[in-house]
C-alpha atoms as a PDB file:
ATOM      1  CA  MET A   1      -7.634  11.318   0.962  1.00  0.00           C
ATOM      2  CA  LEU A   2      -9.647   9.425   3.009  1.00  0.00           C
ATOM      3  CA  ARG A   3      -9.485   7.355   6.442  1.00  0.00           C
ATOM      4  CA  LEU A   4     -10.697   3.865   6.588  1.00  0.00           C
ATOM      5  CA  GLU A   5     -12.453   2.673   9.735  1.00  0.00           C
ATOM      6  CA  PRO A   6     -12.424  -1.222   9.761  1.00  0.00           C
ATOM      7  CA  ILE A   7     -15.479  -3.182  10.270  1.00  0.00           C
ATOM      8  CA  SER A   8     -14.160  -6.687   9.899  1.00  0.00           C
ATOM      9  CA  LYS A   9     -11.175  -8.835  10.863  1.00  0.00           C
ATOM     10  CA  ARG A  10      -9.817  -8.342   7.257  1.00  0.00           C
ATOM     11  CA  GLY A  11     -10.240  -4.601   7.470  1.00  0.00           C
ATOM     12  CA  ARG A  12      -8.387  -4.327  10.639  1.00  0.00           C
ATOM     13  CA  GLN A  13      -5.662  -6.484   9.097  1.00  0.00           C
ATOM     14  CA  LEU A  14      -5.511  -4.223   6.243  1.00  0.00           C
ATOM     15  CA  VAL A  15      -5.478  -1.168   8.326  1.00  0.00           C
ATOM     16  CA  LYS A  16      -2.582  -2.624  10.400  1.00  0.00           C
ATOM     17  CA  GLU A  17      -0.475  -3.503   7.504  1.00  0.00           C
ATOM     18  CA  HIS A  18      -1.077  -0.326   5.130  1.00  0.00           C
ATOM     19  CA  GLY A  19      -2.303   2.532   7.484  1.00  0.00           C
ATOM     20  CA  ASP A  20      -5.805   3.985   7.924  1.00  0.00           C
ATOM     21  CA  THR A  21      -5.182   6.935   5.510  1.00  0.00           C
ATOM     22  CA  TRP A  22      -5.459   6.079   1.840  1.00  0.00           C
ATOM     23  CA  SER A  23      -5.434   8.188  -1.409  1.00  0.00           C
ATOM     24  CA  PHE A  24      -8.572   8.204  -3.680  1.00  0.00           C
ATOM     25  CA  ILE A  25      -8.037   7.101  -7.275  1.00  0.00           C
ATOM     26  CA  ARG A  26     -11.451   6.795  -9.070  1.00  0.00           C
ATOM     27  CA  TRP A  27     -15.091   6.577  -8.374  1.00  0.00           C
ATOM     28  CA  ALA A  28     -17.065   4.340 -10.892  1.00  0.00           C
ATOM     29  CA  PRO A  29     -19.273   1.391 -11.666  1.00  0.00           C
ATOM     30  CA  MET A  30     -17.183  -1.684 -11.030  1.00  0.00           C
ATOM     31  CA  VAL A  31     -17.616  -5.215 -12.410  1.00  0.00           C
ATOM     32  CA  CYS A  32     -16.601  -6.673  -9.063  1.00  0.00           C
ATOM     33  CA  PHE A  33     -19.606  -5.145  -7.432  1.00  0.00           C
ATOM     34  CA  SER A  34     -22.014  -6.175 -10.091  1.00  0.00           C
ATOM     35  CA  ASP A  35     -21.746  -2.596 -11.713  1.00  0.00           C
ATOM     36  CA  ASN A  36     -22.837  -0.823  -8.500  1.00  0.00           C
ATOM     37  CA  ILE A  37     -20.604   2.224  -7.846  1.00  0.00           C
ATOM     38  CA  GLY A  38     -17.230   1.575  -5.968  1.00  0.00           C
ATOM     39  CA  ILE A  39     -14.296   3.676  -4.975  1.00  0.00           C
ATOM     40  CA  GLN A  40     -10.681   2.859  -5.937  1.00  0.00           C
ATOM     41  CA  ILE A  41      -8.085   3.527  -3.511  1.00  0.00           C
ATOM     42  CA  THR A  42      -4.305   3.186  -2.805  1.00  0.00           C
ATOM     43  CA  SER A  43      -2.438   2.841   0.493  1.00  0.00           C
ATOM     44  CA  LYS A  44      -0.143   5.811   1.272  1.00  0.00           C
ATOM     45  CA  ASP A  45       2.775   3.520   0.915  1.00  0.00           C
ATOM     46  CA  GLY A  46       1.749   2.667  -2.620  1.00  0.00           C
ATOM     47  CA  LYS A  47       1.960  -1.059  -2.064  1.00  0.00           C
ATOM     48  CA  HIS A  48      -1.879  -1.872  -1.905  1.00  0.00           C
ATOM     49  CA  THR A  49      -4.772  -0.734  -4.233  1.00  0.00           C
ATOM     50  CA  ARG A  50      -8.242  -1.843  -3.315  1.00  0.00           C
ATOM     51  CA  ASN A  51     -11.676  -1.515  -4.505  1.00  0.00           C
ATOM     52  CA  ILE A  52     -14.312  -0.806  -1.711  1.00  0.00           C
ATOM     53  CA  ARG A  53     -18.000  -0.515  -2.123  1.00  0.00           C
ATOM     54  CA  GLU A  54     -19.499   3.027  -1.860  1.00  0.00           C
ATOM     55  CA  GLN A  55     -22.048   2.106   0.466  1.00  0.00           C
ATOM     56  CA  ASN A  56     -22.352  -0.877   2.870  1.00  0.00           C
ATOM     57  CA  ASP A  57     -18.689  -2.461   2.349  1.00  0.00           C
ATOM     58  CA  ALA A  58     -18.249  -5.281   4.364  1.00  0.00           C
ATOM     59  CA  ASN A  59     -14.836  -4.485   5.618  1.00  0.00           C
ATOM     60  CA  PHE A  60     -14.735  -0.662   5.881  1.00  0.00           C
ATOM     61  CA  THR A  61     -16.497   2.586   6.321  1.00  0.00           C
ATOM     62  CA  TYR A  62     -14.550   5.519   5.420  1.00  0.00           C
ATOM     63  CA  VAL A  63     -14.314   9.184   6.066  1.00  0.00           C
ATOM     64  CA  TRP A  64     -13.155  11.938   3.660  1.00  0.00           C
ATOM     65  CA  LEU A  65     -10.205  13.929   4.792  1.00  0.00           C
ATOM     66  CA  LYS A  66      -9.298  17.505   3.642  1.00  0.00           C
ATOM     67  CA  GLY A  67      -6.553  17.875   1.367  1.00  0.00           C
END
């Protein structure tokens, strides 16, 4: 589990729509980030899956939660 902290307007919109606590799916090189490491996450309601950059994502920073 991780908590998203929005940076951009789009980030704030996603947190408003899907909450700030998301579940971790995988951590891997991603084509959408030119094979740089990314994190795939899904909202707690299961309605939205998103890839975010491991570092310097334009929309979010994130904090790992226990559990």
